[in-house]
Each structure stands twice: as structure tokens, then as C-alpha cells.
Amino acid sequence: MTDGPQQPNTPQETPGSPEQAQPPQGSPGAGEQPRRPNPRQPTLPFRADTSSPGYGYPPAQPPQGYGYPPAQPSGYGFPPADPAAPQQPAWSPPAVNLAQSGFPQQPHGPGAEPDWSALAERTEAEGRRRKVLFAAGGVLAAALVAAIVATAVVVTGHHKHPVAAPDTAPSSPQPTPSFSDVTPPPPPDPLAILSDPKKDTAPLTPDGLFPGTQLVMDGRTYAKGATDSTAVCADYAAAGLGTVLSDEGCRKMLRATYERGGVAVTVGVAVFDTKAEADKAKTDFTGYVVPLSGAGVPAFCHATACHTSANSVGRYAYFTISGFTNGTAVTSTDTTARQAGDDIASFAFNRIVQRGRDEGQSQGS
């Protein structure tokens, strides 16, 4: 024996036998046999005799509409509702005016047609909106391209500077510079002036020819000692030089002495009337110029060997003698006394040439 409802045994029916009489449905009496179905008439599923509870299929339910099933006293279905429980409001569609919401309305009723004019206006409005968007996009793209081009021009530096507008106000005519066609003559040649006594007329003194208290030659500094001058050139010459000066017509002799490191040098500048006489005195040079001591320089080159030189420029001939202030003789291999004599001779040459330049500038002006 099993739990639960069981399928009732249906007795076999002999064909052609009459049906047995059944009590009417709903009649009282428990334990009565249910009515047997007619084998020739189909039965609906889940249809059973509901006259009394018992084994078998559940009683048939009357057809119901949509919603929850009605409350049943017993059997299958939802439990009966509690009258005391609050009832949930039934759902209803939102009260929204679709015409005001902007959505197109579905035409209602047979033969209803959409509002073609409204659809055309909406399509035209959307077309205008797309045109406006396209135009705005084109303007934005053009501005972007212009910005890129301007940035490239600034980076490469190939930009044009603004040109100032011409001044329309009348202006006074600007004077035009004029140049003379006459070429100024070149400055006089210092050597030409120094060779001509008519042009070489500037005063000639020891302080003018040997200025200052010292001289610097190639970084070597010499202190200036005594200076003098004479119109008798032979008085400042010895050992045959006086005769040479006299024979060439020497007009004046100027002397100056410089000393450095125990070596003293005396330079004598002889003045002649012509360049030829000065050149001849240099060529015939013999003897020496008498050394000049004093002004801090002791006597030197007396009864000892010293270094001598002679040269000329223009109508001037200049002679030097150099030696040690302690009386030491100058040998052929000595360089100290020789260097001092060359420095003072170069200084005398520069000063004579500068005299010619100064006279040329004063005469040219």
C-alpha cells in the first residue's frame, strides 16, 4: 500500500451491455461508487466528481479570468486572503500626456492616418539642425588649421614683419651730402722733410729730442742721465770723428746718456745741411762720440774697450758708445753692452722720424 492518491480501477465494460444507473451528482451518501465514464465519450483532464472528498483527481474548477485565483475552502491553489491584511493597489498606466511629451502618437481607430505635416516639419527641423552642426564643424576646422599654420610660421621664424605705413605728412627736404672731386694730397713724407733744411725748421733741443726721464725698449727700461748740445761738433768727438764731422759741415751736436743695470750709453746726434753730408759722415765714421756722465751716471768708457755704432736718416747722423760703469772692458762676445747700444740707437732713430712726422702734420694743416 502506498501513500497518496491512487488511480481508481476502472471496471471493464462488455460491449453492448447497458450502463448501470448512477445516483445523481451531488446526492448525499458517503461511500457511494463514482459514476463510470462512458468509454465512447472523451473526458476532460482533471475533471472528477466533486460530490465528496476522497481518492482520485481534484475537483474540477470553474473557468476563471486573469488575476489571482479566488479563495478556495480546501484543495489546490493559493491560500485564502486575510481580510484584515492591507490590500495592494492595482497597477494602472501612468497618466502622461503623450502629445505633450514630444513622442509621436499611434493613430487610433480604423482608417486613422499619421499627421504627415508634423512629420515633415520635424524632418525639416532635423535637417536644419544637421546643417547648423556641419557649418559649425567647418568653422571650427578652419580655425584649427589657421592656428596650426600660425604656430608653424612662428616656429620656423619665416614671418613677415609689419610694414609701417608711409608718413603722409609733408616733410622738409633732407640735405644731400656733397663730396668734393678734389683728392686731398697725401701727408708729406717725413724723410723728405728731414732731408730739406727749408722744411725741417722746428726748434731742436735736447729735451725736445730726448723727452721724459726714462725710456722703455722691448720691456727694458733705461733711466735718463745728463743731456747737452753744442754748435762745435768736433768738441764732442774724439779719435778722428771730429775731423769727419768738420769736413762734412756739421751744424750742431746733441747728446744724452741712459743707464741700465751697470751699463751706460751716450748717443750724439749731428745735424748737417743735406742728406748727402749725413750719409758721408756715417760712411767715413771713425773714432767715437765722447761719453757724457753726470745726473746719476758715473764716468764710463775711459781707457777701456767699449761698443760703438753709427747711422743716419735724412740730414741727421747719430752715433753711440756703450760700456760698463765699473770700467770692465767690452769684449767681442759680450751681448749686454751691445744690446744697450742698439736699444738707444733705435730710440734715437724713432725720435728723429717722429720729428719729421710732427712737422709734416703742422705743415699740412
Protein backbone atom coordinates (compact mmCIF):
# COMPACT_ATOMS: atom_id res chain seq x y z
CA MET A 1 0.00 0.00 0.00
CA THR A 2 1.41 3.39 -1.00
CA ASP A 3 0.79 6.90 0.26
CA GLY A 4 -1.04 9.46 -1.82
CA PRO A 5 -3.93 9.25 -4.17
CA GLN A 6 -4.11 6.24 -6.47
CA GLN A 7 -5.65 5.88 -9.85
CA PRO A 8 -9.13 4.21 -9.37
CA ASN A 9 -9.55 0.91 -11.02
CA THR A 10 -11.95 1.20 -13.89
CA PRO A 11 -14.01 -1.98 -14.38
CA GLN A 12 -14.02 -3.45 -17.83
CA GLU A 13 -17.16 -2.91 -19.74
CA THR A 14 -18.68 -5.52 -22.00
CA PRO A 15 -19.60 -4.07 -25.32
CA GLY A 16 -23.27 -3.78 -25.77
CA SER A 17 -24.09 -4.01 -22.08
CA PRO A 18 -26.36 -1.38 -20.70
CA GLU A 19 -24.96 1.24 -18.44
CA GLN A 20 -25.65 0.93 -14.80
CA ALA A 21 -27.77 3.55 -13.19
CA GLN A 22 -25.80 6.06 -11.11
CA PRO A 23 -27.11 8.33 -8.48
CA PRO A 24 -27.31 11.93 -9.49
CA GLN A 25 -24.25 14.12 -8.82
CA GLY A 26 -24.32 15.89 -5.59
CA SER A 27 -26.63 13.44 -3.87
CA PRO A 28 -25.81 12.61 -0.31
CA GLY A 29 -24.32 9.45 0.84
CA ALA A 30 -20.78 8.71 1.70
CA GLY A 31 -19.03 5.75 0.26
CA GLU A 32 -21.09 5.61 -2.91
CA GLN A 33 -19.35 4.43 -6.05
CA PRO A 34 -18.50 7.17 -8.54
CA ARG A 35 -20.06 7.27 -11.91
CA ARG A 36 -18.10 5.38 -14.50
CA PRO A 37 -17.20 7.31 -17.60
CA ASN A 38 -18.59 6.42 -20.95
CA PRO A 39 -15.84 4.86 -22.98
CA ARG A 40 -17.28 6.30 -26.16
CA GLN A 41 -17.28 9.91 -24.81
CA PRO A 42 -13.88 11.55 -24.13
CA THR A 43 -13.33 13.01 -20.73
CA LEU A 44 -11.58 16.26 -19.88
CA PRO A 45 -8.41 16.07 -17.79
CA PHE A 46 -8.62 16.83 -14.15
CA ARG A 47 -12.41 16.52 -14.16
CA ALA A 48 -13.67 14.47 -11.27
CA ASP A 49 -16.66 14.03 -9.18
CA THR A 50 -16.77 16.71 -6.58
CA SER A 51 -19.66 15.37 -4.68
CA SER A 52 -17.45 14.21 -1.88
CA PRO A 53 -13.75 14.24 -0.99
CA GLY A 54 -11.67 11.11 -1.32
CA TYR A 55 -9.25 9.47 -3.54
CA GLY A 56 -8.94 10.47 -7.18
CA TYR A 57 -8.32 13.64 -9.15
CA PRO A 58 -9.05 17.01 -7.56
CA PRO A 59 -12.41 18.51 -8.28
CA ALA A 60 -12.76 20.49 -11.45
CA GLN A 61 -12.52 24.27 -11.18
CA PRO A 62 -14.81 26.62 -12.97
CA PRO A 63 -13.03 28.80 -15.55
CA GLN A 64 -11.68 31.99 -14.09
CA GLY A 65 -10.40 35.27 -15.60
CA TYR A 66 -6.95 36.91 -15.22
CA GLY A 67 -5.58 37.73 -11.79
CA TYR A 68 -5.16 35.77 -8.61
CA PRO A 69 -7.35 32.67 -8.23
CA PRO A 70 -10.32 33.02 -5.92
CA ALA A 71 -10.11 31.78 -2.44
CA GLN A 72 -10.90 28.08 -2.02
CA PRO A 73 -12.00 26.40 1.17
CA SER A 74 -9.68 23.47 0.50
CA GLY A 75 -7.69 21.79 -2.21
CA TYR A 76 -5.08 23.18 -4.56
CA GLY A 77 -4.40 26.94 -5.14
CA PHE A 78 -3.21 29.99 -3.16
CA PRO A 79 -4.14 30.23 0.49
CA PRO A 80 -7.19 32.30 1.27
CA ALA A 81 -6.64 36.00 1.64
CA ASP A 82 -6.62 37.58 5.06
CA PRO A 83 -9.42 40.14 5.22
CA ALA A 84 -7.53 42.10 7.85
CA ALA A 85 -4.33 42.49 5.68
CA PRO A 86 -4.00 45.79 3.74
CA GLN A 87 -4.82 45.42 0.09
CA GLN A 88 -2.19 46.43 -2.55
CA PRO A 89 -3.44 48.95 -5.08
CA ALA A 90 -3.91 47.55 -8.53
CA TRP A 91 -1.43 48.70 -11.25
CA SER A 92 -2.64 51.35 -13.61
CA PRO A 93 -0.80 53.02 -16.56
CA PRO A 94 0.89 56.40 -15.84
CA ALA A 95 -1.18 59.41 -16.59
CA VAL A 96 1.20 61.04 -19.12
CA ASN A 97 0.03 63.18 -21.98
CA LEU A 98 1.98 61.71 -24.89
CA ALA A 99 1.02 64.62 -27.06
CA GLN A 100 2.84 66.99 -24.69
CA SER A 101 5.84 64.66 -24.21
CA GLY A 102 7.01 65.08 -27.81
CA PHE A 103 6.65 61.42 -28.80
CA PRO A 104 4.59 60.60 -31.87
CA GLN A 105 1.20 59.14 -31.12
CA GLN A 106 -0.07 55.91 -32.53
CA PRO A 107 -3.18 56.59 -34.61
CA HIS A 108 -6.30 55.08 -33.11
CA GLY A 109 -9.38 53.78 -34.70
CA PRO A 110 -9.99 52.22 -38.05
CA GLY A 111 -8.69 54.18 -41.02
CA ALA A 112 -6.66 56.61 -38.82
CA GLU A 113 -3.57 58.16 -40.54
CA PRO A 114 -0.43 59.83 -39.05
CA ASP A 115 0.00 63.62 -39.05
CA TRP A 116 2.12 64.00 -42.20
CA SER A 117 2.59 67.77 -41.79
CA ALA A 118 4.00 67.30 -38.28
CA LEU A 119 6.36 64.61 -39.53
CA ALA A 120 7.52 66.88 -42.39
CA GLU A 121 8.15 69.80 -40.03
CA ARG A 122 10.09 67.51 -37.67
CA THR A 123 12.21 66.17 -40.59
CA GLU A 124 12.89 69.70 -41.86
CA ALA A 125 13.89 70.84 -38.35
CA GLU A 126 16.29 67.92 -38.03
CA GLY A 127 17.79 68.77 -41.45
CA ARG A 128 18.34 72.40 -40.41
CA ARG A 129 19.97 71.22 -37.19
CA ARG A 130 22.38 68.96 -39.12
CA LYS A 131 23.27 71.85 -41.46
CA VAL A 132 24.00 74.11 -38.48
CA LEU A 133 26.17 71.39 -36.92
CA PHE A 134 28.05 70.86 -40.21
CA ALA A 135 28.63 74.63 -40.60
CA ALA A 136 29.88 74.93 -37.01
CA GLY A 137 32.21 71.96 -37.56
CA GLY A 138 33.60 73.58 -40.74
CA VAL A 139 34.28 76.87 -38.93
CA LEU A 140 36.00 75.02 -36.07
CA ALA A 141 38.15 73.02 -38.52
CA ALA A 142 39.17 76.20 -40.39
CA ALA A 143 40.14 77.89 -37.12
CA LEU A 144 42.17 74.83 -36.10
CA VAL A 145 44.04 74.81 -39.45
CA ALA A 146 44.75 78.55 -39.17
CA ALA A 147 46.14 78.06 -35.64
CA ILE A 148 48.40 75.21 -36.83
CA VAL A 149 49.71 77.31 -39.75
CA ALA A 150 50.37 80.30 -37.48
CA THR A 151 52.22 78.10 -35.00
CA ALA A 152 54.36 76.61 -37.79
CA VAL A 153 55.21 80.10 -39.10
CA VAL A 154 56.24 81.29 -35.65
CA VAL A 155 58.36 78.17 -35.01
CA THR A 156 60.20 78.38 -38.35
CA GLY A 157 60.74 82.14 -37.98
CA HIS A 158 59.61 82.88 -41.57
CA HIS A 159 57.10 85.51 -40.59
CA LYS A 160 56.72 88.85 -42.16
CA HIS A 161 57.27 91.95 -40.13
CA PRO A 162 54.56 94.53 -40.39
CA VAL A 163 55.48 97.38 -42.67
CA ALA A 164 54.86 100.79 -41.23
CA ALA A 165 52.51 102.95 -43.21
CA PRO A 166 54.24 105.78 -45.02
CA ASP A 167 54.01 109.13 -43.36
CA THR A 168 51.76 111.29 -45.48
CA ALA A 169 52.68 114.46 -43.63
CA PRO A 170 54.91 116.75 -45.69
CA SER A 171 58.49 116.76 -44.53
CA SER A 172 61.26 119.20 -45.17
CA PRO A 173 63.76 118.07 -47.80
CA GLN A 174 66.83 116.44 -46.34
CA PRO A 175 70.14 117.98 -47.33
CA THR A 176 72.09 115.84 -49.74
CA PRO A 177 75.73 115.43 -48.80
CA SER A 178 78.14 116.68 -51.37
CA PHE A 179 81.61 115.37 -51.93
CA SER A 180 84.47 117.28 -53.38
CA ASP A 181 86.09 115.97 -56.52
CA VAL A 182 89.46 117.21 -55.36
CA THR A 183 91.54 114.50 -53.73
CA PRO A 184 93.46 115.80 -50.73
CA PRO A 185 97.20 115.47 -51.13
CA PRO A 186 98.95 112.76 -49.15
CA PRO A 187 100.72 113.80 -45.97
CA PRO A 188 104.31 114.95 -46.51
CA ASP A 189 106.96 112.28 -46.35
CA PRO A 190 108.85 112.61 -43.03
CA LEU A 191 112.09 111.66 -44.75
CA ALA A 192 111.62 114.44 -47.32
CA ILE A 193 111.15 116.98 -44.55
CA LEU A 194 114.12 115.68 -42.57
CA SER A 195 116.31 115.95 -45.71
CA ASP A 196 115.46 119.60 -46.53
CA PRO A 197 116.58 122.31 -44.07
CA LYS A 198 113.96 124.67 -45.56
CA LYS A 199 111.18 122.30 -44.39
CA ASP A 200 112.87 120.98 -41.29
CA THR A 201 112.56 124.21 -39.35
CA ALA A 202 111.11 123.11 -35.96
CA PRO A 203 113.14 124.01 -32.84
CA LEU A 204 115.76 121.37 -31.98
CA THR A 205 116.74 120.94 -28.28
CA PRO A 206 117.95 118.02 -26.12
CA ASP A 207 114.71 117.97 -24.09
CA GLY A 208 112.60 118.07 -27.27
CA LEU A 209 114.60 115.32 -28.97
CA PHE A 210 115.00 113.19 -25.78
CA PRO A 211 111.86 113.80 -23.69
CA GLY A 212 110.98 112.25 -20.33
CA THR A 213 113.11 110.76 -17.58
CA GLN A 214 113.30 107.20 -18.91
CA LEU A 215 112.60 105.10 -21.97
CA VAL A 216 111.35 101.52 -22.45
CA MET A 217 112.52 99.42 -25.36
CA ASP A 218 111.09 95.88 -25.71
CA GLY A 219 110.44 95.67 -21.98
CA ARG A 220 113.85 97.01 -20.99
CA THR A 221 113.76 100.26 -19.03
CA TYR A 222 116.57 102.79 -19.14
CA ALA A 223 116.92 105.79 -16.87
CA LYS A 224 117.93 109.07 -18.50
CA GLY A 225 121.06 110.85 -17.23
CA ALA A 226 122.68 114.09 -18.39
CA THR A 227 121.99 115.89 -21.74
CA ASP A 228 123.73 118.73 -23.63
CA SER A 229 124.28 120.26 -27.08
CA THR A 230 126.94 122.30 -28.97
CA ALA A 231 127.45 124.06 -32.28
CA VAL A 232 131.10 122.91 -32.40
CA CYS A 233 130.59 119.24 -33.26
CA ALA A 234 134.29 118.33 -33.02
CA ASP A 235 134.27 119.15 -29.28
CA TYR A 236 132.06 116.08 -28.62
CA ALA A 237 134.03 113.74 -30.85
CA ALA A 238 137.39 112.00 -30.43
CA ALA A 239 139.89 109.82 -32.29
CA GLY A 240 139.21 111.19 -35.78
CA LEU A 241 135.44 111.57 -35.58
CA GLY A 242 135.77 115.32 -35.02
CA THR A 243 137.61 115.68 -38.32
CA VAL A 244 134.90 113.75 -40.17
CA LEU A 245 132.17 115.94 -38.70
CA SER A 246 134.02 119.11 -39.55
CA ASP A 247 134.73 118.03 -43.10
CA GLU A 248 131.05 117.34 -43.76
CA GLY A 249 129.93 120.64 -42.34
CA CYS A 250 128.26 119.51 -39.03
CA ARG A 251 125.99 122.33 -37.76
CA LYS A 252 125.06 121.01 -34.28
CA MET A 253 125.61 118.10 -31.92
CA LEU A 254 123.14 116.96 -29.21
CA ARG A 255 123.98 114.34 -26.56
CA ALA A 256 122.07 112.25 -23.96
CA THR A 257 123.09 109.37 -21.66
CA TYR A 258 120.94 106.40 -20.47
CA GLU A 259 121.85 103.73 -17.92
CA ARG A 260 120.50 100.28 -17.01
CA GLY A 261 121.99 97.56 -14.82
CA GLY A 262 125.56 98.90 -14.70
CA VAL A 263 125.71 99.60 -18.44
CA ALA A 264 125.67 103.21 -19.69
CA VAL A 265 125.11 104.51 -23.25
CA THR A 266 125.73 108.01 -24.72
CA VAL A 267 124.07 108.96 -28.05
CA GLY A 268 125.17 112.00 -30.11
CA VAL A 269 123.02 113.37 -32.97
CA ALA A 270 124.88 115.50 -35.55
CA VAL A 271 122.90 117.86 -37.84
CA PHE A 272 124.02 118.63 -41.41
CA ASP A 273 122.62 120.76 -44.23
CA THR A 274 121.93 117.87 -46.59
CA LYS A 275 121.21 114.22 -46.50
CA ALA A 276 124.32 113.51 -48.55
CA GLU A 277 126.59 115.06 -45.92
CA ALA A 278 124.99 112.98 -43.17
CA ASP A 279 125.35 109.80 -45.24
CA LYS A 280 129.02 110.66 -45.93
CA ALA A 281 129.72 111.18 -42.22
CA LYS A 282 128.25 107.74 -41.48
CA THR A 283 130.31 106.15 -44.22
CA ASP A 284 133.55 107.82 -43.09
CA PHE A 285 132.86 107.10 -39.43
CA THR A 286 135.89 106.57 -37.27
CA GLY A 287 136.71 107.21 -33.63
CA TYR A 288 133.78 107.70 -31.17
CA VAL A 289 131.49 110.22 -29.56
CA VAL A 290 132.74 111.40 -26.18
CA PRO A 291 130.68 109.67 -23.37
CA LEU A 292 128.61 112.01 -21.16
CA SER A 293 128.46 111.30 -17.43
CA GLY A 294 126.52 113.04 -14.67
CA ALA A 295 122.91 113.10 -13.34
CA GLY A 296 123.48 109.82 -11.51
CA VAL A 297 125.62 108.17 -14.14
CA PRO A 298 129.33 107.70 -13.28
CA ALA A 299 132.11 108.07 -15.80
CA PHE A 300 132.45 105.15 -18.20
CA CYS A 301 134.42 104.10 -21.31
CA HIS A 302 137.63 105.86 -20.28
CA ALA A 303 140.84 103.96 -21.13
CA THR A 304 138.86 100.73 -21.72
CA ALA A 305 137.22 98.95 -24.63
CA CYS A 306 133.53 99.91 -25.39
CA HIS A 307 130.96 99.25 -28.10
CA THR A 308 130.32 101.99 -30.76
CA SER A 309 127.90 102.43 -33.70
CA ALA A 310 126.96 104.99 -36.44
CA ASN A 311 123.90 105.53 -38.67
CA SER A 312 121.97 108.30 -40.47
CA VAL A 313 118.41 109.34 -41.52
CA GLY A 314 117.66 112.43 -43.55
CA ARG A 315 120.21 115.14 -42.79
CA TYR A 316 120.90 113.62 -39.34
CA ALA A 317 123.76 111.27 -38.38
CA TYR A 318 123.72 109.62 -34.92
CA PHE A 319 126.50 107.81 -33.02
CA THR A 320 126.53 105.69 -29.83
CA ILE A 321 129.09 104.43 -27.32
CA SER A 322 128.20 101.86 -24.59
CA GLY A 323 130.14 100.21 -21.79
CA PHE A 324 130.18 99.12 -18.17
CA THR A 325 130.11 101.79 -15.47
CA ASN A 326 132.60 99.77 -13.38
CA GLY A 327 135.29 100.06 -16.10
CA THR A 328 135.08 96.46 -17.31
CA ALA A 329 136.12 96.12 -20.94
CA VAL A 330 133.52 95.08 -23.51
CA THR A 331 134.61 92.01 -25.46
CA SER A 332 133.55 90.83 -28.90
CA THR A 333 131.38 88.11 -27.35
CA ASP A 334 129.60 90.43 -24.91
CA THR A 335 125.89 90.94 -25.59
CA THR A 336 124.83 93.17 -22.70
CA ALA A 337 126.67 96.34 -23.78
CA ARG A 338 125.89 95.64 -27.43
CA GLN A 339 122.14 95.25 -26.69
CA ALA A 340 122.09 98.51 -24.72
CA GLY A 341 123.84 100.39 -27.59
CA ASP A 342 121.34 99.01 -30.15
CA ASP A 343 118.32 99.96 -27.96
CA ILE A 344 119.45 103.59 -27.59
CA ALA A 345 120.32 103.84 -31.32
CA SER A 346 116.78 102.61 -32.22
CA PHE A 347 115.31 105.13 -29.80
CA ALA A 348 117.28 107.99 -31.47
CA PHE A 349 116.10 106.87 -34.92
CA ASN A 350 112.43 106.80 -33.80
CA ARG A 351 112.69 110.26 -32.25
CA ILE A 352 114.20 111.82 -35.40
CA VAL A 353 111.49 110.25 -37.62
CA GLN A 354 108.76 111.40 -35.21
CA ARG A 355 110.14 114.93 -35.57
CA GLY A 356 109.58 114.70 -39.34
CA ARG A 357 106.00 113.42 -38.86
CA ASP A 358 105.15 116.20 -36.45
CA GLU A 359 106.48 118.82 -38.84
CA GLY A 360 104.61 117.25 -41.75
CA GLN A 361 101.28 117.38 -39.84
CA SER A 362 101.82 121.02 -38.87
CA GLN A 363 102.73 121.98 -42.42
CA GLY A 364 99.88 120.04 -43.96
CA SER A 365 97.31 121.77 -41.75
